[in-house]
Amino acid sequence: MVSEPPIGRDEASAIVGHTIDTATWIKIRVAFHKHGREARRLQGSKTSRKKDDPQGWLVRQTAASKALETALKKINDVRTKHGEFLFEASENYSLKEFGVSASLEFNARAKLDRAFAEGNRALLIIERATERKIEVLTAASARDVLLCDIADALDEVDIPTGTTSGWALDSIDGQPGISDLTPFENLIDALAIMNDKDIKSFSAQIRAALSGRLHN
């Protein structure tokens, strides 16, 4: 999950061959922050009730409820089976450390009672909660939005955002390298937005993402 540019403004300026001013860099950082939020949404629960979908709301709700029920049972076992010892341990600790009988602040049984009560309240919240339908971009769409936002920020200050044509890459003898791409494409590579290591595919995806700006 990329939520902050992995390189600084000076390095980015050197790559594109133009000085990226502070205001433009802030816009690029904001674009990354927005992308990070979308990425976190993708990791959230899906409105799926399939029992084999680990990201489905029902599966996650059931797992959380069962885990909390197990923890509460263990806390209750300590309260009921070791109650007398808890009072004794609390008293001994308080007398040794402070020279007085144990108050509620240092009463282990009282603390477990509160933990048990709060845990049951948490369980109630989990069991009564229902999923919300939230529109979430796909990972590819979120990436394309980030690419367009960066290009828009650079376009506003007349920094070139051109891409290499597929024809130009196909005409290169042998396998094209990152040096065969434009400064803008080199910047996108340095910003680690895409994982595609194939230069032709990498460039084609950038072209496809930016072409969508013509229709917005």
Protein backbone atom coordinates (compact mmCIF):
# COMPACT_ATOMS: atom_id res chain seq x y z
CA MET A 1 0.00 0.00 0.00
CA VAL A 2 1.58 3.24 -1.19
CA SER A 3 0.23 6.30 0.67
CA GLU A 4 3.28 8.56 0.43
CA PRO A 5 5.72 9.14 -2.46
CA PRO A 6 8.74 6.85 -1.94
CA ILE A 7 11.09 9.55 -3.26
CA GLY A 8 11.50 13.21 -2.41
CA ARG A 9 10.70 16.30 -4.44
CA ASP A 10 14.32 16.95 -5.44
CA GLU A 11 14.78 13.43 -6.80
CA ALA A 12 11.48 13.62 -8.66
CA SER A 13 12.54 16.96 -10.17
CA ALA A 14 15.82 15.46 -11.35
CA ILE A 15 13.98 12.58 -13.04
CA VAL A 16 11.58 14.80 -15.03
CA GLY A 17 14.25 17.40 -15.75
CA HIS A 18 12.16 20.25 -14.34
CA THR A 19 11.83 21.78 -10.89
CA ILE A 20 8.67 20.54 -9.20
CA ASP A 21 7.57 23.39 -6.95
CA THR A 22 6.27 22.85 -3.43
CA ALA A 23 2.62 23.42 -4.34
CA THR A 24 2.75 20.83 -7.12
CA TRP A 25 4.52 18.34 -4.88
CA ILE A 26 1.83 18.80 -2.25
CA LYS A 27 -0.79 17.93 -4.89
CA ILE A 28 1.15 14.77 -5.73
CA ARG A 29 1.34 13.84 -2.06
CA VAL A 30 -2.40 14.44 -1.65
CA ALA A 31 -2.97 12.11 -4.61
CA PHE A 32 -0.95 9.42 -2.83
CA HIS A 33 -2.91 9.94 0.37
CA LYS A 34 -6.17 9.51 -1.55
CA HIS A 35 -4.79 6.36 -3.15
CA GLY A 36 -3.84 5.03 0.28
CA ARG A 37 -7.40 5.51 1.50
CA GLU A 38 -8.76 3.58 -1.47
CA ALA A 39 -6.26 0.79 -0.84
CA ARG A 40 -7.38 0.54 2.79
CA ARG A 41 -11.01 0.34 1.65
CA LEU A 42 -10.09 -2.61 -0.55
CA GLN A 43 -8.88 -4.42 2.55
CA GLY A 44 -12.18 -3.85 4.35
CA SER A 45 -15.13 -6.21 4.55
CA LYS A 46 -17.06 -7.05 1.42
CA THR A 47 -20.85 -7.34 1.35
CA SER A 48 -20.56 -11.06 0.81
CA ARG A 49 -22.39 -13.69 2.81
CA LYS A 50 -20.42 -16.59 1.36
CA LYS A 51 -19.01 -18.75 4.15
CA ASP A 52 -15.75 -19.29 2.25
CA ASP A 53 -15.01 -15.60 1.57
CA PRO A 54 -12.39 -14.44 4.13
CA GLN A 55 -13.13 -10.79 3.32
CA GLY A 56 -16.90 -11.24 3.54
CA TRP A 57 -18.73 -9.39 6.29
CA LEU A 58 -20.44 -12.49 7.69
CA VAL A 59 -17.20 -14.48 7.88
CA ARG A 60 -15.31 -11.67 9.65
CA GLN A 61 -18.21 -10.92 12.00
CA THR A 62 -18.54 -14.57 13.00
CA ALA A 63 -14.78 -14.96 13.52
CA ALA A 64 -14.57 -11.83 15.69
CA SER A 65 -17.58 -12.91 17.78
CA LYS A 66 -16.19 -16.40 18.38
CA ALA A 67 -12.75 -15.05 19.31
CA LEU A 68 -14.25 -12.61 21.78
CA GLU A 69 -16.56 -15.26 23.25
CA THR A 70 -13.52 -17.48 23.83
CA ALA A 71 -11.64 -14.67 25.56
CA LEU A 72 -14.64 -13.82 27.75
CA LYS A 73 -15.02 -17.46 28.79
CA LYS A 74 -11.38 -17.52 29.90
CA ILE A 75 -11.77 -14.28 31.85
CA ASN A 76 -14.90 -15.61 33.51
CA ASP A 77 -13.14 -18.87 34.42
CA VAL A 78 -10.43 -16.89 36.22
CA ARG A 79 -13.05 -14.80 38.05
CA THR A 80 -15.07 -17.78 39.24
CA LYS A 81 -12.32 -20.34 39.88
CA HIS A 82 -9.65 -18.07 41.34
CA GLY A 83 -11.69 -15.29 42.95
CA GLU A 84 -10.35 -15.77 46.47
CA PHE A 85 -6.76 -15.84 45.29
CA LEU A 86 -7.29 -12.66 43.26
CA PHE A 87 -8.38 -10.84 46.44
CA GLU A 88 -5.42 -12.26 48.35
CA ALA A 89 -2.91 -11.36 45.64
CA SER A 90 -4.33 -7.84 45.36
CA GLU A 91 -4.13 -7.34 49.13
CA ASN A 92 -0.55 -8.60 49.35
CA TYR A 93 0.56 -6.46 46.43
CA SER A 94 -1.03 -3.31 47.81
CA LEU A 95 0.33 -3.83 51.32
CA LYS A 96 3.85 -4.47 50.01
CA GLU A 97 3.94 -1.59 47.52
CA PHE A 98 1.89 1.04 49.34
CA GLY A 99 1.40 -0.16 52.91
CA VAL A 100 -2.41 -0.10 52.66
CA SER A 101 -5.18 -2.54 51.85
CA ALA A 102 -6.08 -2.95 48.23
CA SER A 103 -8.42 -0.31 46.80
CA LEU A 104 -10.46 -0.78 43.63
CA GLU A 105 -7.52 0.62 41.67
CA PHE A 106 -5.36 -2.36 42.66
CA ASN A 107 -8.07 -5.01 42.97
CA ALA A 108 -7.36 -7.69 40.34
CA ARG A 109 -10.85 -9.21 40.66
CA ALA A 110 -12.50 -5.82 40.14
CA LYS A 111 -10.39 -5.20 37.05
CA LEU A 112 -11.41 -8.56 35.58
CA ASP A 113 -15.05 -7.81 36.39
CA ARG A 114 -14.78 -4.56 34.41
CA ALA A 115 -12.97 -6.31 31.56
CA PHE A 116 -15.71 -8.96 31.46
CA ALA A 117 -18.46 -6.33 31.39
CA GLU A 118 -16.74 -4.26 28.69
CA GLY A 119 -16.03 -7.39 26.65
CA ASN A 120 -19.70 -8.32 26.71
CA ARG A 121 -20.61 -4.81 25.56
CA ALA A 122 -18.11 -5.15 22.70
CA LEU A 123 -19.62 -8.52 21.78
CA LEU A 124 -23.08 -6.96 21.66
CA ILE A 125 -21.82 -4.23 19.32
CA ILE A 126 -20.19 -6.77 16.99
CA GLU A 127 -23.21 -9.07 16.87
CA ARG A 128 -25.70 -6.26 16.21
CA ALA A 129 -23.58 -4.49 13.59
CA THR A 130 -24.58 -4.74 9.93
CA GLU A 131 -22.51 -4.17 6.82
CA ARG A 132 -22.57 -0.91 4.88
CA LYS A 133 -22.47 -0.78 1.11
CA ILE A 134 -19.55 1.45 0.12
CA GLU A 135 -18.47 2.11 -3.44
CA VAL A 136 -14.84 1.03 -3.67
CA LEU A 137 -12.58 1.37 -6.68
CA THR A 138 -10.78 -1.71 -7.92
CA ALA A 139 -7.01 -1.75 -7.36
CA ALA A 140 -6.44 -1.07 -11.07
CA SER A 141 -8.92 1.82 -11.14
CA ALA A 142 -7.41 3.36 -8.00
CA ARG A 143 -3.95 3.13 -9.59
CA ASP A 144 -5.22 4.79 -12.76
CA VAL A 145 -6.74 7.65 -10.74
CA LEU A 146 -3.40 8.16 -9.01
CA LEU A 147 -1.56 8.26 -12.34
CA CYS A 148 -4.02 10.82 -13.72
CA ASP A 149 -3.83 12.97 -10.60
CA ILE A 150 -0.03 13.09 -10.84
CA ALA A 151 -0.17 13.92 -14.56
CA ASP A 152 -2.76 16.65 -13.93
CA ALA A 153 -0.58 18.22 -11.23
CA LEU A 154 2.43 18.30 -13.56
CA ASP A 155 0.41 19.52 -16.55
CA GLU A 156 -0.74 22.53 -14.53
CA VAL A 157 2.85 23.75 -14.30
CA ASP A 158 3.77 22.75 -17.87
CA ILE A 159 5.97 19.79 -16.94
CA PRO A 160 5.73 17.26 -19.81
CA THR A 161 3.75 14.11 -19.13
CA GLY A 162 4.24 12.44 -22.48
CA THR A 163 4.46 8.68 -22.87
CA THR A 164 6.30 6.41 -25.27
CA SER A 165 4.27 5.02 -28.13
CA GLY A 166 3.87 1.29 -28.52
CA TRP A 167 5.25 1.61 -32.05
CA ALA A 168 8.45 3.23 -30.76
CA LEU A 169 9.02 0.43 -28.24
CA ASP A 170 8.30 -2.26 -30.83
CA SER A 171 10.88 -0.75 -33.19
CA ILE A 172 13.71 -1.11 -30.65
CA ASP A 173 16.09 -3.97 -31.34
CA GLY A 174 16.09 -6.30 -28.39
CA GLN A 175 14.27 -5.78 -25.11
CA PRO A 176 13.52 -2.11 -24.33
CA GLY A 177 14.69 -0.76 -20.98
CA ILE A 178 13.57 1.98 -18.59
CA SER A 179 15.98 4.36 -20.32
CA ASP A 180 13.88 4.07 -23.48
CA LEU A 181 10.88 5.63 -21.72
CA THR A 182 10.01 9.28 -21.26
CA PRO A 183 10.99 11.26 -18.13
CA PHE A 184 7.37 11.10 -16.95
CA GLU A 185 7.29 7.32 -17.29
CA ASN A 186 10.60 7.15 -15.45
CA LEU A 187 9.01 9.19 -12.66
CA ILE A 188 6.09 6.78 -12.42
CA ASP A 189 8.59 3.93 -12.18
CA ALA A 190 10.49 5.71 -9.38
CA LEU A 191 7.22 6.36 -7.54
CA ALA A 192 6.64 2.58 -7.43
CA ILE A 193 3.00 2.86 -8.39
CA MET A 194 3.06 -0.18 -10.69
CA ASN A 195 4.65 -3.59 -10.27
CA ASP A 196 4.83 -4.55 -13.95
CA LYS A 197 8.47 -5.21 -14.86
CA ASP A 198 7.80 -5.61 -18.59
CA ILE A 199 8.61 -2.23 -20.15
CA LYS A 200 6.10 -2.50 -23.00
CA SER A 201 3.29 -3.52 -20.68
CA PHE A 202 4.31 -0.86 -18.14
CA SER A 203 4.17 1.90 -20.75
CA ALA A 204 0.93 0.59 -22.25
CA GLN A 205 -0.79 0.68 -18.86
CA ILE A 206 0.27 4.28 -18.31
CA ARG A 207 -1.01 5.25 -21.76
CA ALA A 208 -4.33 3.52 -21.09
CA ALA A 209 -4.73 5.24 -17.72
CA LEU A 210 -3.99 8.71 -19.11
CA SER A 211 -6.25 8.23 -22.12
CA GLY A 212 -9.19 8.20 -19.73
CA ARG A 213 -8.54 11.85 -18.90
CA LEU A 214 -9.79 12.79 -22.36
CA HIS A 215 -13.22 11.49 -21.49
CA ASN A 216 -13.56 13.06 -18.02
